[in-house]
Amino acid sequence: MDPEEHARIVKNGYDRIAEEYNKKRGIFDDSDQIEEFISYLPEKGVVLDIGCGGGPILKILAQRGFVVKGIDFSKGMLEIARRNVPEAELFFGDVTKTEFENASFDGIISTYALIHIHRDLHFELYKKMHRWLRPGGINLVGTARDDWSGDEKYFGVRMVWNHAGASDSLNLVKKAGFSVLFAKNLTSGGETHFWILARK
């Protein structure tokens, strides 16, 4: 399946399941890695959440005094984010086709989103993240432990995944120019994901 068709299925799926998915999003406890990410951010720093969904991480960051921005290509998820985090600046669009100004963020975070972006686009996205960060900026991504491509029912709708495994993702992050601070598998909500915290 090509990246365009892949993205269309993911977008349509999340538009349909937005409310139900958002209610279940709380089963994942990512507080430890988010707190470590926050520890590297400057006071009132500007943070971008890629695939922000209903805004659970944007809300945490906003409550801590950061300037928060989120991007998602599901209108359904962004409607929830607008309710949950009215102070956030939200962008509707596909991040792989979006450009922000270079050196415009102190931090970039993405959780449970890269697993839905076709692996052929990952390296270019990591390079974008590197460009968008200010010198010394921090990047936290939650991606996949295993190399896998799937096409399954998810919350009753068709959903697709296409992602590299941990070692390949780590190599791409380094190749994009980041210095890795930690890279580890973490289990939460009955699922194991590969987390990378890196600095520009």
N, C-alpha and C. Protein backbone atom coordinates (compact mmCIF):
# COMPACT_ATOMS: atom_id res chain seq x y z
N MET A 1 0.84 -1.20 0.00
CA MET A 1 0.00 0.00 0.00
C MET A 1 0.89 1.26 0.00
N ASP A 2 0.57 2.20 -0.87
CA ASP A 2 1.40 3.40 -0.94
C ASP A 2 1.07 4.35 0.21
N PRO A 3 1.98 5.29 0.52
CA PRO A 3 1.77 6.19 1.67
C PRO A 3 0.50 7.02 1.61
N GLU A 4 0.06 7.42 0.41
CA GLU A 4 -1.15 8.23 0.28
C GLU A 4 -2.40 7.46 0.70
N GLU A 5 -2.53 6.23 0.21
CA GLU A 5 -3.67 5.40 0.58
C GLU A 5 -3.63 5.05 2.06
N HIS A 6 -2.44 4.77 2.53
CA HIS A 6 -2.24 4.47 3.95
C HIS A 6 -2.76 5.63 4.81
N ALA A 7 -2.33 6.85 4.49
CA ALA A 7 -2.74 8.02 5.27
C ALA A 7 -4.25 8.24 5.19
N ARG A 8 -4.84 7.99 4.03
CA ARG A 8 -6.28 8.19 3.88
C ARG A 8 -7.06 7.27 4.81
N ILE A 9 -6.63 6.02 4.92
CA ILE A 9 -7.32 5.06 5.79
C ILE A 9 -7.19 5.47 7.26
N VAL A 10 -5.99 5.88 7.66
CA VAL A 10 -5.78 6.30 9.05
C VAL A 10 -6.64 7.52 9.37
N LYS A 11 -6.61 8.51 8.50
CA LYS A 11 -7.38 9.74 8.72
C LYS A 11 -8.87 9.44 8.84
N ASN A 12 -9.41 8.69 7.90
CA ASN A 12 -10.84 8.37 7.94
C ASN A 12 -11.20 7.57 9.19
N GLY A 13 -10.31 6.65 9.56
CA GLY A 13 -10.56 5.84 10.74
C GLY A 13 -10.65 6.67 12.01
N TYR A 14 -9.68 7.56 12.20
CA TYR A 14 -9.69 8.37 13.43
C TYR A 14 -10.81 9.40 13.43
N ASP A 15 -11.20 9.88 12.29
CA ASP A 15 -12.37 10.77 12.26
C ASP A 15 -13.61 10.04 12.79
N ARG A 16 -13.72 8.76 12.50
CA ARG A 16 -14.91 7.99 12.90
C ARG A 16 -14.86 7.55 14.36
N ILE A 17 -13.68 7.31 14.88
CA ILE A 17 -13.57 6.75 16.24
C ILE A 17 -13.08 7.78 17.25
N ALA A 18 -13.01 9.04 16.88
CA ALA A 18 -12.36 10.06 17.71
C ALA A 18 -12.85 10.05 19.16
N GLU A 19 -14.14 10.13 19.36
CA GLU A 19 -14.66 10.23 20.73
C GLU A 19 -14.36 8.97 21.54
N GLU A 20 -14.59 7.81 20.93
CA GLU A 20 -14.36 6.55 21.65
C GLU A 20 -12.88 6.36 21.95
N TYR A 21 -12.03 6.64 20.97
CA TYR A 21 -10.59 6.49 21.19
C TYR A 21 -10.11 7.43 22.29
N ASN A 22 -10.59 8.65 22.28
CA ASN A 22 -10.14 9.62 23.27
C ASN A 22 -10.48 9.18 24.70
N LYS A 23 -11.62 8.53 24.85
CA LYS A 23 -12.02 8.04 26.18
C LYS A 23 -11.08 6.95 26.68
N LYS A 24 -10.53 6.16 25.76
CA LYS A 24 -9.65 5.05 26.15
C LYS A 24 -8.17 5.45 26.21
N ARG A 25 -7.85 6.65 25.75
CA ARG A 25 -6.46 7.08 25.66
C ARG A 25 -5.77 7.07 27.01
N GLY A 26 -6.55 7.22 28.09
CA GLY A 26 -5.98 7.29 29.43
C GLY A 26 -5.39 5.99 29.95
N ILE A 27 -5.54 4.88 29.22
CA ILE A 27 -4.96 3.63 29.70
C ILE A 27 -3.44 3.65 29.60
N PHE A 28 -2.89 4.57 28.83
CA PHE A 28 -1.44 4.66 28.68
C PHE A 28 -0.88 5.67 29.68
N ASP A 29 0.05 5.21 30.51
CA ASP A 29 0.71 6.09 31.47
C ASP A 29 2.13 6.37 30.97
N ASP A 30 2.30 7.53 30.39
CA ASP A 30 3.59 7.92 29.84
C ASP A 30 4.24 9.02 30.67
N SER A 31 3.82 9.13 31.93
CA SER A 31 4.23 10.28 32.74
C SER A 31 5.73 10.36 32.96
N ASP A 32 6.39 9.21 33.12
CA ASP A 32 7.84 9.25 33.40
C ASP A 32 8.61 9.85 32.24
N GLN A 33 8.34 9.37 31.03
CA GLN A 33 9.09 9.90 29.90
C GLN A 33 8.68 11.33 29.56
N ILE A 34 7.42 11.68 29.79
CA ILE A 34 6.99 13.06 29.56
C ILE A 34 7.66 14.00 30.56
N GLU A 35 7.76 13.56 31.81
CA GLU A 35 8.44 14.39 32.81
C GLU A 35 9.91 14.59 32.47
N GLU A 36 10.55 13.56 31.95
CA GLU A 36 11.95 13.72 31.56
C GLU A 36 12.06 14.69 30.39
N PHE A 37 11.17 14.57 29.44
CA PHE A 37 11.12 15.51 28.32
C PHE A 37 10.98 16.94 28.84
N ILE A 38 10.04 17.15 29.75
CA ILE A 38 9.79 18.48 30.31
C ILE A 38 11.02 19.02 31.03
N SER A 39 11.78 18.14 31.67
CA SER A 39 12.94 18.59 32.45
C SER A 39 13.99 19.27 31.58
N TYR A 40 13.99 19.03 30.29
CA TYR A 40 14.95 19.64 29.39
C TYR A 40 14.43 20.91 28.73
N LEU A 41 13.17 21.23 28.93
CA LEU A 41 12.57 22.39 28.27
C LEU A 41 12.82 23.67 29.05
N PRO A 42 13.02 24.78 28.34
CA PRO A 42 13.15 26.06 29.04
C PRO A 42 11.79 26.52 29.56
N GLU A 43 11.80 27.36 30.56
CA GLU A 43 10.56 27.92 31.10
C GLU A 43 9.79 28.61 29.99
N LYS A 44 8.50 28.33 29.91
CA LYS A 44 7.61 28.90 28.90
C LYS A 44 8.06 28.59 27.47
N GLY A 45 8.74 27.46 27.30
CA GLY A 45 9.19 27.06 25.97
C GLY A 45 8.03 26.73 25.05
N VAL A 46 8.32 26.73 23.77
CA VAL A 46 7.32 26.45 22.73
C VAL A 46 7.44 24.99 22.32
N VAL A 47 6.33 24.25 22.41
CA VAL A 47 6.35 22.80 22.17
C VAL A 47 5.31 22.44 21.11
N LEU A 48 5.71 21.58 20.18
CA LEU A 48 4.82 21.04 19.16
C LEU A 48 4.52 19.58 19.46
N ASP A 49 3.25 19.22 19.44
CA ASP A 49 2.82 17.83 19.58
C ASP A 49 2.35 17.34 18.21
N ILE A 50 3.08 16.38 17.65
CA ILE A 50 2.75 15.82 16.34
C ILE A 50 1.80 14.65 16.51
N GLY A 51 0.63 14.73 15.87
CA GLY A 51 -0.41 13.73 16.08
C GLY A 51 -1.01 13.92 17.46
N CYS A 52 -1.41 15.16 17.75
CA CYS A 52 -1.81 15.53 19.11
C CYS A 52 -3.11 14.88 19.56
N GLY A 53 -3.91 14.36 18.61
CA GLY A 53 -5.16 13.72 18.99
C GLY A 53 -6.05 14.67 19.77
N GLY A 54 -6.66 14.16 20.83
CA GLY A 54 -7.56 14.95 21.66
C GLY A 54 -6.86 15.88 22.62
N GLY A 55 -5.55 15.91 22.60
CA GLY A 55 -4.79 16.89 23.38
C GLY A 55 -4.39 16.53 24.79
N PRO A 56 -4.29 15.24 25.18
CA PRO A 56 -3.92 14.94 26.56
C PRO A 56 -2.54 15.46 26.96
N ILE A 57 -1.59 15.39 26.03
CA ILE A 57 -0.24 15.87 26.35
C ILE A 57 -0.18 17.39 26.25
N LEU A 58 -0.89 17.95 25.29
CA LEU A 58 -0.97 19.42 25.21
C LEU A 58 -1.50 20.00 26.52
N LYS A 59 -2.48 19.33 27.10
CA LYS A 59 -3.07 19.82 28.34
C LYS A 59 -2.06 19.81 29.48
N ILE A 60 -1.29 18.72 29.59
CA ILE A 60 -0.25 18.64 30.62
C ILE A 60 0.76 19.77 30.44
N LEU A 61 1.20 19.96 29.21
CA LEU A 61 2.21 20.97 28.94
C LEU A 61 1.67 22.38 29.18
N ALA A 62 0.44 22.63 28.77
CA ALA A 62 -0.15 23.95 28.98
C ALA A 62 -0.28 24.26 30.47
N GLN A 63 -0.66 23.26 31.25
CA GLN A 63 -0.80 23.46 32.69
C GLN A 63 0.54 23.77 33.35
N ARG A 64 1.63 23.37 32.69
CA ARG A 64 2.98 23.63 33.23
C ARG A 64 3.56 24.93 32.69
N GLY A 65 2.77 25.69 31.94
CA GLY A 65 3.20 27.01 31.52
C GLY A 65 3.88 27.09 30.17
N PHE A 66 3.86 25.99 29.40
CA PHE A 66 4.48 26.02 28.09
C PHE A 66 3.52 26.55 27.02
N VAL A 67 4.09 27.09 25.96
CA VAL A 67 3.31 27.52 24.81
C VAL A 67 3.12 26.29 23.93
N VAL A 68 1.87 25.86 23.74
CA VAL A 68 1.63 24.56 23.12
C VAL A 68 0.97 24.70 21.76
N LYS A 69 1.45 23.87 20.83
CA LYS A 69 0.91 23.80 19.48
C LYS A 69 0.77 22.33 19.11
N GLY A 70 -0.29 22.02 18.41
CA GLY A 70 -0.53 20.63 18.03
C GLY A 70 -0.95 20.53 16.59
N ILE A 71 -0.58 19.42 15.95
CA ILE A 71 -1.01 19.16 14.59
C ILE A 71 -1.59 17.75 14.49
N ASP A 72 -2.68 17.62 13.75
CA ASP A 72 -3.30 16.32 13.53
C ASP A 72 -4.09 16.42 12.23
N PHE A 73 -4.20 15.29 11.52
CA PHE A 73 -4.98 15.35 10.27
C PHE A 73 -6.37 14.76 10.42
N SER A 74 -6.76 14.50 11.66
CA SER A 74 -8.13 14.08 11.94
C SER A 74 -8.92 15.26 12.51
N LYS A 75 -9.92 15.72 11.76
CA LYS A 75 -10.75 16.82 12.26
C LYS A 75 -11.48 16.41 13.53
N GLY A 76 -11.87 15.15 13.59
CA GLY A 76 -12.57 14.67 14.78
C GLY A 76 -11.72 14.78 16.03
N MET A 77 -10.45 14.41 15.92
CA MET A 77 -9.56 14.49 17.08
C MET A 77 -9.27 15.95 17.44
N LEU A 78 -9.11 16.80 16.44
CA LEU A 78 -8.82 18.21 16.72
C LEU A 78 -10.00 18.91 17.38
N GLU A 79 -11.22 18.50 17.05
CA GLU A 79 -12.39 19.08 17.72
C GLU A 79 -12.34 18.79 19.22
N ILE A 80 -11.91 17.59 19.58
CA ILE A 80 -11.77 17.24 21.00
C ILE A 80 -10.65 18.05 21.63
N ALA A 81 -9.52 18.19 20.92
CA ALA A 81 -8.40 18.96 21.44
C ALA A 81 -8.80 20.42 21.71
N ARG A 82 -9.62 20.98 20.82
CA ARG A 82 -10.06 22.37 21.01
C ARG A 82 -10.88 22.51 22.28
N ARG A 83 -11.68 21.50 22.60
CA ARG A 83 -12.45 21.53 23.84
C ARG A 83 -11.54 21.35 25.05
N ASN A 84 -10.61 20.43 24.95
CA ASN A 84 -9.77 20.07 26.10
C ASN A 84 -8.68 21.09 26.40
N VAL A 85 -8.15 21.71 25.33
CA VAL A 85 -7.01 22.64 25.52
C VAL A 85 -7.26 23.90 24.68
N PRO A 86 -8.18 24.74 25.11
CA PRO A 86 -8.53 25.90 24.29
C PRO A 86 -7.37 26.87 24.07
N GLU A 87 -6.38 26.83 24.95
CA GLU A 87 -5.24 27.74 24.81
C GLU A 87 -4.22 27.27 23.78
N ALA A 88 -4.36 26.04 23.29
CA ALA A 88 -3.41 25.50 22.32
C ALA A 88 -3.67 26.08 20.93
N GLU A 89 -2.60 26.27 20.18
CA GLU A 89 -2.72 26.62 18.77
C GLU A 89 -2.69 25.31 17.99
N LEU A 90 -3.77 25.03 17.26
CA LEU A 90 -3.93 23.75 16.60
C LEU A 90 -3.89 23.89 15.09
N PHE A 91 -3.26 22.92 14.44
CA PHE A 91 -3.13 22.92 12.99
C PHE A 91 -3.75 21.64 12.44
N PHE A 92 -4.61 21.81 11.45
CA PHE A 92 -5.19 20.67 10.75
C PHE A 92 -4.33 20.37 9.53
N GLY A 93 -3.78 19.16 9.47
CA GLY A 93 -2.97 18.82 8.31
C GLY A 93 -2.13 17.58 8.54
N ASP A 94 -1.57 17.10 7.46
CA ASP A 94 -0.66 15.96 7.46
C ASP A 94 0.74 16.49 7.72
N VAL A 95 1.35 16.09 8.83
CA VAL A 95 2.64 16.65 9.21
C VAL A 95 3.72 16.34 8.18
N THR A 96 3.57 15.25 7.43
CA THR A 96 4.57 14.91 6.42
C THR A 96 4.51 15.86 5.24
N LYS A 97 3.42 16.65 5.14
CA LYS A 97 3.28 17.61 4.05
C LYS A 97 3.24 19.05 4.56
N THR A 98 3.57 19.23 5.82
CA THR A 98 3.49 20.53 6.48
C THR A 98 4.89 21.06 6.75
N GLU A 99 5.03 22.39 6.71
CA GLU A 99 6.29 23.00 7.08
C GLU A 99 6.06 24.04 8.16
N PHE A 100 6.92 24.01 9.17
CA PHE A 100 6.99 25.09 10.16
C PHE A 100 8.34 25.79 9.97
N GLU A 101 8.46 26.97 10.52
CA GLU A 101 9.72 27.70 10.40
C GLU A 101 10.84 26.93 11.09
N ASN A 102 12.02 27.00 10.51
CA ASN A 102 13.19 26.39 11.14
C ASN A 102 13.43 27.02 12.51
N ALA A 103 13.91 26.21 13.43
CA ALA A 103 14.30 26.68 14.78
C ALA A 103 13.15 27.43 15.47
N SER A 104 11.94 26.90 15.37
CA SER A 104 10.78 27.58 15.96
C SER A 104 10.24 26.90 17.21
N PHE A 105 10.80 25.74 17.59
CA PHE A 105 10.31 25.02 18.77
C PHE A 105 11.45 24.68 19.72
N ASP A 106 11.12 24.70 21.01
CA ASP A 106 12.07 24.23 22.02
C ASP A 106 11.94 22.73 22.23
N GLY A 107 10.78 22.20 21.93
CA GLY A 107 10.54 20.77 22.09
C GLY A 107 9.52 20.28 21.08
N ILE A 108 9.69 19.04 20.66
CA ILE A 108 8.72 18.37 19.80
C ILE A 108 8.44 17.00 20.42
N ILE A 109 7.17 16.66 20.52
CA ILE A 109 6.79 15.38 21.10
C ILE A 109 5.79 14.69 20.17
N SER A 110 5.88 13.38 20.09
CA SER A 110 4.93 12.61 19.28
C SER A 110 4.75 11.24 19.91
N THR A 111 3.53 10.94 20.33
CA THR A 111 3.25 9.67 20.98
C THR A 111 2.12 8.95 20.24
N TYR A 112 2.32 7.68 19.94
CA TYR A 112 1.30 6.84 19.31
C TYR A 112 0.83 7.40 17.95
N ALA A 113 1.67 8.18 17.29
CA ALA A 113 1.33 8.72 15.98
C ALA A 113 2.23 8.16 14.89
N LEU A 114 3.52 8.08 15.16
CA LEU A 114 4.45 7.59 14.14
C LEU A 114 4.12 6.17 13.68
N ILE A 115 3.51 5.40 14.55
CA ILE A 115 3.16 4.03 14.17
C ILE A 115 2.11 4.00 13.06
N HIS A 116 1.41 5.12 12.87
CA HIS A 116 0.40 5.20 11.81
C HIS A 116 0.89 5.94 10.57
N ILE A 117 2.12 6.45 10.62
CA ILE A 117 2.70 7.12 9.46
C ILE A 117 3.55 6.10 8.70
N HIS A 118 3.34 6.00 7.42
CA HIS A 118 4.05 5.00 6.61
C HIS A 118 5.56 5.13 6.79
N ARG A 119 6.20 4.01 7.00
CA ARG A 119 7.64 4.01 7.31
C ARG A 119 8.49 4.69 6.24
N ASP A 120 8.02 4.71 5.00
CA ASP A 120 8.79 5.36 3.94
C ASP A 120 8.96 6.86 4.19
N LEU A 121 8.13 7.42 5.06
CA LEU A 121 8.15 8.86 5.33
C LEU A 121 8.86 9.22 6.63
N HIS A 122 9.30 8.21 7.40
CA HIS A 122 9.83 8.49 8.73
C HIS A 122 11.12 9.30 8.71
N PHE A 123 12.05 8.96 7.84
CA PHE A 123 13.33 9.65 7.86
C PHE A 123 13.16 11.13 7.53
N GLU A 124 12.36 11.43 6.52
CA GLU A 124 12.13 12.84 6.17
C GLU A 124 11.45 13.57 7.31
N LEU A 125 10.57 12.88 8.05
CA LEU A 125 9.90 13.51 9.18
C LEU A 125 10.89 13.79 10.31
N TYR A 126 11.79 12.85 10.60
CA TYR A 126 12.80 13.09 11.62
C TYR A 126 13.69 14.27 11.23
N LYS A 127 14.00 14.40 9.94
CA LYS A 127 14.82 15.53 9.50
C LYS A 127 14.05 16.85 9.67
N LYS A 128 12.74 16.81 9.41
CA LYS A 128 11.92 18.00 9.64
C LYS A 128 11.95 18.38 11.12
N MET A 129 11.76 17.41 12.00
CA MET A 129 11.78 17.69 13.43
C MET A 129 13.10 18.36 13.82
N HIS A 130 14.20 17.85 13.27
CA HIS A 130 15.51 18.41 13.58
C HIS A 130 15.59 19.87 13.12
N ARG A 131 15.10 20.17 11.93
CA ARG A 131 15.12 21.55 11.42
C ARG A 131 14.24 22.47 12.26
N TRP A 132 13.09 21.96 12.66
CA TRP A 132 12.13 22.80 13.37
C TRP A 132 12.56 23.13 14.79
N LEU A 133 13.44 22.34 15.36
CA LEU A 133 13.91 22.58 16.72
C LEU A 133 14.99 23.65 16.76
N ARG A 134 14.98 24.41 17.85
CA ARG A 134 16.06 25.34 18.10
C ARG A 134 17.30 24.57 18.55
N PRO A 135 18.48 25.17 18.44
CA PRO A 135 19.69 24.48 18.94
C PRO A 135 19.51 24.05 20.40
N GLY A 136 19.80 22.80 20.69
CA GLY A 136 19.59 22.26 22.03
C GLY A 136 18.19 21.78 22.28
N GLY A 137 17.30 21.91 21.28
CA GLY A 137 15.91 21.49 21.44
C GLY A 137 15.77 20.00 21.67
N ILE A 138 14.65 19.63 22.27
CA ILE A 138 14.42 18.24 22.70
C ILE A 138 13.29 17.60 21.91
N ASN A 139 13.50 16.34 21.55
CA ASN A 139 12.52 15.58 20.78
C ASN A 139 12.22 14.28 21.51
N LEU A 140 10.94 14.02 21.76
CA LEU A 140 10.52 12.74 22.36
C LEU A 140 9.53 12.08 21.43
N VAL A 141 9.84 10.87 20.99
CA VAL A 141 8.91 10.12 20.15
C VAL A 141 8.66 8.75 20.74
N GLY A 142 7.40 8.34 20.67
CA GLY A 142 7.02 6.98 21.01
C GLY A 142 6.71 6.27 19.70
N THR A 143 7.51 5.30 19.36
CA THR A 143 7.29 4.58 18.11
C THR A 143 7.23 3.09 18.41
N ALA A 144 7.53 2.26 17.42
CA ALA A 144 7.25 0.83 17.57
C ALA A 144 8.48 0.02 17.99
N ARG A 145 8.22 -1.02 18.75
CA ARG A 145 9.28 -1.96 19.11
C ARG A 145 9.62 -2.87 17.95
N ASP A 146 8.60 -3.26 17.18
CA ASP A 146 8.79 -4.28 16.14
C ASP A 146 8.52 -3.73 14.76
N ASP A 147 9.21 -4.28 13.79
CA ASP A 147 8.95 -4.01 12.38
C ASP A 147 7.64 -4.71 12.01
N TRP A 148 6.66 -3.94 11.52
CA TRP A 148 5.35 -4.55 11.28
C TRP A 148 4.51 -3.70 10.34
N SER A 149 3.73 -4.36 9.53
CA SER A 149 2.74 -3.71 8.69
C SER A 149 1.42 -4.43 8.91
N GLY A 150 0.39 -3.69 9.30
CA GLY A 150 -0.89 -4.32 9.63
C GLY A 150 -2.07 -3.61 9.02
N ASP A 151 -3.14 -4.35 8.78
CA ASP A 151 -4.39 -3.83 8.24
C ASP A 151 -5.49 -4.60 8.97
N GLU A 152 -6.05 -3.95 10.01
CA GLU A 152 -6.96 -4.67 10.91
C GLU A 152 -8.12 -3.78 11.34
N LYS A 153 -9.10 -4.42 11.98
CA LYS A 153 -10.19 -3.68 12.61
C LYS A 153 -9.68 -3.08 13.93
N TYR A 154 -10.01 -1.82 14.16
CA TYR A 154 -9.56 -1.11 15.35
C TYR A 154 -10.71 -0.21 15.80
N PHE A 155 -11.25 -0.47 16.99
CA PHE A 155 -12.44 0.23 17.46
C PHE A 155 -13.57 0.14 16.43
N GLY A 156 -13.61 -0.98 15.70
CA GLY A 156 -14.68 -1.24 14.76
C GLY A 156 -14.49 -0.67 13.37
N VAL A 157 -13.36 -0.01 13.12
CA VAL A 157 -13.12 0.55 11.78
C VAL A 157 -11.80 -0.02 11.23
N ARG A 158 -11.62 0.12 9.94
CA ARG A 158 -10.38 -0.32 9.33
C ARG A 158 -9.25 0.64 9.72
N MET A 159 -8.11 0.05 10.14
CA MET A 159 -6.96 0.85 10.51
C MET A 159 -5.71 0.16 9.99
N VAL A 160 -4.70 0.97 9.65
CA VAL A 160 -3.45 0.42 9.13
C VAL A 160 -2.26 0.95 9.92
N TRP A 161 -1.23 0.12 9.95
CA TRP A 161 0.04 0.45 10.59
C TRP A 161 1.15 0.07 9.62
N ASN A 162 2.25 0.81 9.64
CA ASN A 162 3.38 0.46 8.81
C ASN A 162 4.60 1.14 9.40
N HIS A 163 5.40 0.37 10.17
CA HIS A 163 6.49 1.02 10.88
C HIS A 163 7.72 0.14 10.99
N ALA A 164 8.85 0.79 11.14
CA ALA A 164 10.11 0.10 11.36
C ALA A 164 10.20 -0.37 12.79
N GLY A 165 11.13 -1.28 13.04
CA GLY A 165 11.40 -1.73 14.40
C GLY A 165 12.31 -0.77 15.13
N ALA A 166 12.59 -1.09 16.40
CA ALA A 166 13.32 -0.18 17.28
C ALA A 166 14.69 0.21 16.75
N SER A 167 15.49 -0.76 16.34
CA SER A 167 16.86 -0.45 15.93
C SER A 167 16.88 0.43 14.69
N ASP A 168 16.00 0.16 13.73
CA ASP A 168 15.95 0.98 12.53
C ASP A 168 15.50 2.41 12.85
N SER A 169 14.51 2.54 13.72
CA SER A 169 14.05 3.88 14.10
C SER A 169 15.15 4.66 14.80
N LEU A 170 15.87 4.00 15.68
CA LEU A 170 16.97 4.65 16.39
C LEU A 170 18.04 5.13 15.40
N ASN A 171 18.35 4.31 14.43
CA ASN A 171 19.35 4.69 13.43
C ASN A 171 18.88 5.90 12.61
N LEU A 172 17.59 5.95 12.29
CA LEU A 172 17.06 7.08 11.53
C LEU A 172 17.15 8.38 12.34
N VAL A 173 16.84 8.30 13.62
CA VAL A 173 16.93 9.49 14.48
C VAL A 173 18.36 10.01 14.53
N LYS A 174 19.32 9.10 14.67
CA LYS A 174 20.72 9.51 14.69
C LYS A 174 21.14 10.08 13.35
N LYS A 175 20.71 9.43 12.27
CA LYS A 175 21.06 9.87 10.92
C LYS A 175 20.49 11.26 10.63
N ALA A 176 19.35 11.58 11.25
CA ALA A 176 18.73 12.90 11.06
C ALA A 176 19.49 14.00 11.79
N GLY A 177 20.45 13.62 12.63
CA GLY A 177 21.30 14.60 13.29
C GLY A 177 21.13 14.73 14.79
N PHE A 178 20.28 13.90 15.39
CA PHE A 178 20.04 14.00 16.82
C PHE A 178 21.08 13.26 17.65
N SER A 179 21.28 13.76 18.88
CA SER A 179 22.05 13.04 19.89
C SER A 179 21.05 12.37 20.83
N VAL A 180 21.14 11.06 20.97
CA VAL A 180 20.16 10.31 21.74
C VAL A 180 20.46 10.36 23.23
N LEU A 181 19.45 10.71 24.02
CA LEU A 181 19.57 10.76 25.48
C LEU A 181 19.09 9.47 26.12
N PHE A 182 18.00 8.91 25.60
CA PHE A 182 17.62 7.55 25.98
C PHE A 182 16.84 6.91 24.85
N ALA A 183 16.89 5.59 24.82
CA ALA A 183 16.12 4.80 23.84
C ALA A 183 15.78 3.49 24.53
N LYS A 184 14.49 3.24 24.75
CA LYS A 184 14.12 2.05 25.51
C LYS A 184 12.68 1.63 25.22
N ASN A 185 12.45 0.34 25.40
CA ASN A 185 11.10 -0.21 25.30
C ASN A 185 10.39 -0.01 26.63
N LEU A 186 9.17 0.48 26.57
CA LEU A 186 8.38 0.70 27.77
C LEU A 186 6.97 0.15 27.55
N THR A 187 6.44 -0.51 28.56
CA THR A 187 5.11 -1.12 28.46
C THR A 187 4.11 -0.33 29.30
N SER A 188 2.98 0.00 28.69
CA SER A 188 1.90 0.70 29.38
C SER A 188 0.59 0.35 28.69
N GLY A 189 -0.46 0.18 29.48
CA GLY A 189 -1.76 -0.11 28.90
C GLY A 189 -1.79 -1.42 28.13
N GLY A 190 -0.90 -2.35 28.49
CA GLY A 190 -0.86 -3.65 27.83
C GLY A 190 -0.13 -3.65 26.51
N GLU A 191 0.51 -2.54 26.15
CA GLU A 191 1.26 -2.46 24.89
C GLU A 191 2.68 -1.99 25.16
N THR A 192 3.62 -2.46 24.34
CA THR A 192 5.01 -2.05 24.47
C THR A 192 5.39 -1.19 23.27
N HIS A 193 5.93 -0.01 23.56
CA HIS A 193 6.38 0.90 22.52
C HIS A 193 7.84 1.27 22.76
N PHE A 194 8.48 1.74 21.71
CA PHE A 194 9.89 2.13 21.77
C PHE A 194 9.97 3.65 21.85
N TRP A 195 10.59 4.13 22.90
CA TRP A 195 10.66 5.56 23.15
C TRP A 195 12.08 6.08 22.93
N ILE A 196 12.17 7.22 22.26
CA ILE A 196 13.46 7.85 22.01
C ILE A 196 13.39 9.30 22.46
N LEU A 197 14.29 9.66 23.35
CA LEU A 197 14.45 11.06 23.74
C LEU A 197 15.78 11.54 23.17
N ALA A 198 15.75 12.61 22.40
CA ALA A 198 16.96 13.04 21.70
C ALA A 198 17.06 14.56 21.69
N ARG A 199 18.27 15.04 21.49
CA ARG A 199 18.52 16.47 21.50
C ARG A 199 19.15 16.92 20.18
N LYS A 200 18.76 18.11 19.75
CA LYS A 200 19.40 18.71 18.59
C LYS A 200 20.73 19.31 19.01
